[in-house]
C-alpha cells in the first residue's frame, strides 16, 4: 500500500511542478521519497525474517 502512496506523491509532484511553481510542492517529493524508503525497509525486513523461519 505504501508503494502506491509514495509513487502517487512523486507523480503528483511531477504534475504540479509542470503546472505551477510553488514553494510547498517540493514537500511532496520529500514525502514520496520518505514513504518509499520506509516501504523498502519494511519489505527487506519482512523478507529477511521469512528467510530464517524456513
N, C-alpha and C. Protein backbone atom coordinates (compact mmCIF):
# COMPACT_ATOMS: atom_id res chain seq x y z
N UNK A 1 0.82 -1.20 0.00
CA UNK A 1 0.00 0.00 0.00
C UNK A 1 0.86 1.26 0.00
N UNK A 2 1.97 1.21 0.75
CA UNK A 2 2.84 2.38 0.78
C UNK A 2 3.52 2.62 -0.56
N UNK A 3 3.65 1.56 -1.37
CA UNK A 3 4.20 1.74 -2.71
C UNK A 3 3.31 2.69 -3.51
N UNK A 4 2.00 2.48 -3.42
CA UNK A 4 1.05 3.32 -4.16
C UNK A 4 1.07 4.76 -3.65
N UNK A 5 1.14 4.92 -2.35
CA UNK A 5 1.14 6.28 -1.77
C UNK A 5 2.40 7.03 -2.16
N UNK A 6 3.55 6.38 -2.00
CA UNK A 6 4.81 7.03 -2.35
C UNK A 6 4.90 7.38 -3.82
N UNK A 7 4.50 6.44 -4.66
CA UNK A 7 4.52 6.70 -6.10
C UNK A 7 3.54 7.79 -6.48
N UNK A 8 2.38 7.79 -5.84
CA UNK A 8 1.38 8.83 -6.11
C UNK A 8 1.87 10.21 -5.71
N UNK A 9 2.57 10.31 -4.59
CA UNK A 9 3.11 11.60 -4.16
C UNK A 9 4.16 12.11 -5.14
N UNK A 10 5.01 11.22 -5.63
CA UNK A 10 6.02 11.65 -6.59
C UNK A 10 5.37 12.03 -7.92
N UNK A 11 4.37 11.28 -8.35
CA UNK A 11 3.65 11.62 -9.58
C UNK A 11 2.93 12.96 -9.44
N UNK A 12 2.31 13.18 -8.30
CA UNK A 12 1.64 14.45 -8.05
C UNK A 12 2.64 15.60 -8.06
N UNK A 13 3.83 15.35 -7.51
CA UNK A 13 4.87 16.37 -7.52
C UNK A 13 5.26 16.73 -8.95
N UNK A 14 5.42 15.70 -9.81
CA UNK A 14 5.78 15.97 -11.21
C UNK A 14 4.71 16.78 -11.93
N UNK A 15 3.46 16.42 -11.69
CA UNK A 15 2.35 17.13 -12.35
C UNK A 15 2.29 18.58 -11.89
N UNK A 16 2.38 18.78 -10.57
CA UNK A 16 2.30 20.15 -10.06
C UNK A 16 3.53 20.96 -10.40
N UNK A 17 4.68 20.31 -10.56
CA UNK A 17 5.89 21.03 -10.94
C UNK A 17 5.74 21.62 -12.33
N UNK A 18 5.11 20.87 -13.23
CA UNK A 18 4.88 21.36 -14.59
C UNK A 18 3.78 22.43 -14.60
N UNK A 19 2.74 22.21 -13.79
CA UNK A 19 1.58 23.10 -13.81
C UNK A 19 1.86 24.46 -13.18
N UNK A 20 2.57 24.47 -12.06
CA UNK A 20 2.80 25.74 -11.38
C UNK A 20 4.02 25.64 -10.47
N UNK A 21 4.61 26.75 -10.20
CA UNK A 21 5.76 26.80 -9.32
C UNK A 21 5.34 27.35 -7.96
N UNK A 22 5.42 26.54 -6.95
CA UNK A 22 5.11 26.95 -5.58
C UNK A 22 6.19 26.40 -4.66
N UNK A 23 6.37 27.01 -3.52
CA UNK A 23 7.40 26.58 -2.59
C UNK A 23 7.10 25.27 -1.90
N UNK A 24 5.83 24.96 -1.67
CA UNK A 24 5.48 23.76 -0.90
C UNK A 24 5.44 22.50 -1.75
N UNK A 25 5.55 22.60 -3.06
CA UNK A 25 5.46 21.43 -3.94
C UNK A 25 6.61 20.46 -3.66
N UNK A 26 7.77 20.98 -3.29
CA UNK A 26 8.92 20.11 -3.05
C UNK A 26 8.71 19.23 -1.80
N UNK A 27 7.81 19.62 -0.95
CA UNK A 27 7.47 18.77 0.20
C UNK A 27 6.82 17.47 -0.26
N UNK A 28 6.09 17.50 -1.37
CA UNK A 28 5.50 16.28 -1.92
C UNK A 28 6.59 15.30 -2.36
N UNK A 29 7.63 15.82 -2.98
CA UNK A 29 8.74 14.97 -3.41
C UNK A 29 9.41 14.34 -2.19
N UNK A 30 9.70 15.16 -1.19
CA UNK A 30 10.33 14.63 0.02
C UNK A 30 9.43 13.62 0.72
N UNK A 31 8.15 13.88 0.76
CA UNK A 31 7.22 12.94 1.39
C UNK A 31 7.16 11.63 0.62
N UNK A 32 7.10 11.71 -0.69
CA UNK A 32 7.06 10.50 -1.51
C UNK A 32 8.31 9.65 -1.36
N UNK A 33 9.46 10.30 -1.37
CA UNK A 33 10.72 9.56 -1.21
C UNK A 33 10.78 8.93 0.18
N UNK A 34 10.36 9.66 1.19
CA UNK A 34 10.38 9.13 2.55
C UNK A 34 9.48 7.91 2.70
N UNK A 35 8.28 7.98 2.14
CA UNK A 35 7.35 6.85 2.22
C UNK A 35 7.92 5.64 1.49
N UNK A 36 8.55 5.85 0.33
CA UNK A 36 9.13 4.73 -0.40
C UNK A 36 10.32 4.12 0.35
N UNK A 37 11.11 4.95 1.02
CA UNK A 37 12.23 4.43 1.81
C UNK A 37 11.72 3.57 2.96
N UNK A 38 10.67 4.03 3.62
CA UNK A 38 10.08 3.25 4.72
C UNK A 38 9.54 1.92 4.20
N UNK A 39 8.90 1.94 3.04
CA UNK A 39 8.35 0.71 2.47
C UNK A 39 9.45 -0.26 2.08
N UNK A 40 10.52 0.23 1.51
CA UNK A 40 11.64 -0.64 1.12
C UNK A 40 12.25 -1.27 2.37
N UNK A 41 12.42 -0.49 3.42
CA UNK A 41 12.98 -1.03 4.66
C UNK A 41 12.08 -2.10 5.26
N UNK A 42 10.79 -1.87 5.26
CA UNK A 42 9.84 -2.86 5.80
C UNK A 42 9.83 -4.12 4.95
N UNK A 43 9.91 -3.97 3.64
CA UNK A 43 9.93 -5.13 2.74
C UNK A 43 11.18 -5.97 2.96
N UNK A 44 12.33 -5.30 3.09
CA UNK A 44 13.58 -6.03 3.30
C UNK A 44 13.58 -6.75 4.64
N UNK A 45 13.02 -6.11 5.66
CA UNK A 45 12.96 -6.73 6.99
C UNK A 45 12.07 -7.97 6.95
N UNK A 46 10.92 -7.86 6.30
CA UNK A 46 9.99 -8.99 6.20
C UNK A 46 10.62 -10.13 5.42
N UNK A 47 11.27 -9.83 4.32
CA UNK A 47 11.91 -10.86 3.50
C UNK A 47 13.05 -11.53 4.27
N UNK A 48 13.80 -10.75 5.04
CA UNK A 48 14.90 -11.30 5.84
C UNK A 48 14.39 -12.24 6.91
N UNK A 49 13.29 -11.86 7.58
CA UNK A 49 12.72 -12.70 8.63
C UNK A 49 12.13 -14.00 8.08
N UNK A 50 11.51 -13.94 6.93
CA UNK A 50 10.93 -15.14 6.31
C UNK A 50 12.00 -16.13 5.88
N UNK A 51 13.16 -15.63 5.52
CA UNK A 51 14.23 -16.49 5.06
C UNK A 51 14.74 -17.38 6.20
N UNK A 52 14.77 -16.87 7.42
CA UNK A 52 15.30 -17.64 8.53
C UNK A 52 14.24 -18.46 9.25
N UNK A 53 12.98 -18.29 8.95
CA UNK A 53 11.93 -19.10 9.55
C UNK A 53 11.86 -20.49 8.93
N UNK A 54 12.27 -20.60 7.69
CA UNK A 54 12.15 -21.86 6.98
C UNK A 54 13.27 -22.80 7.29
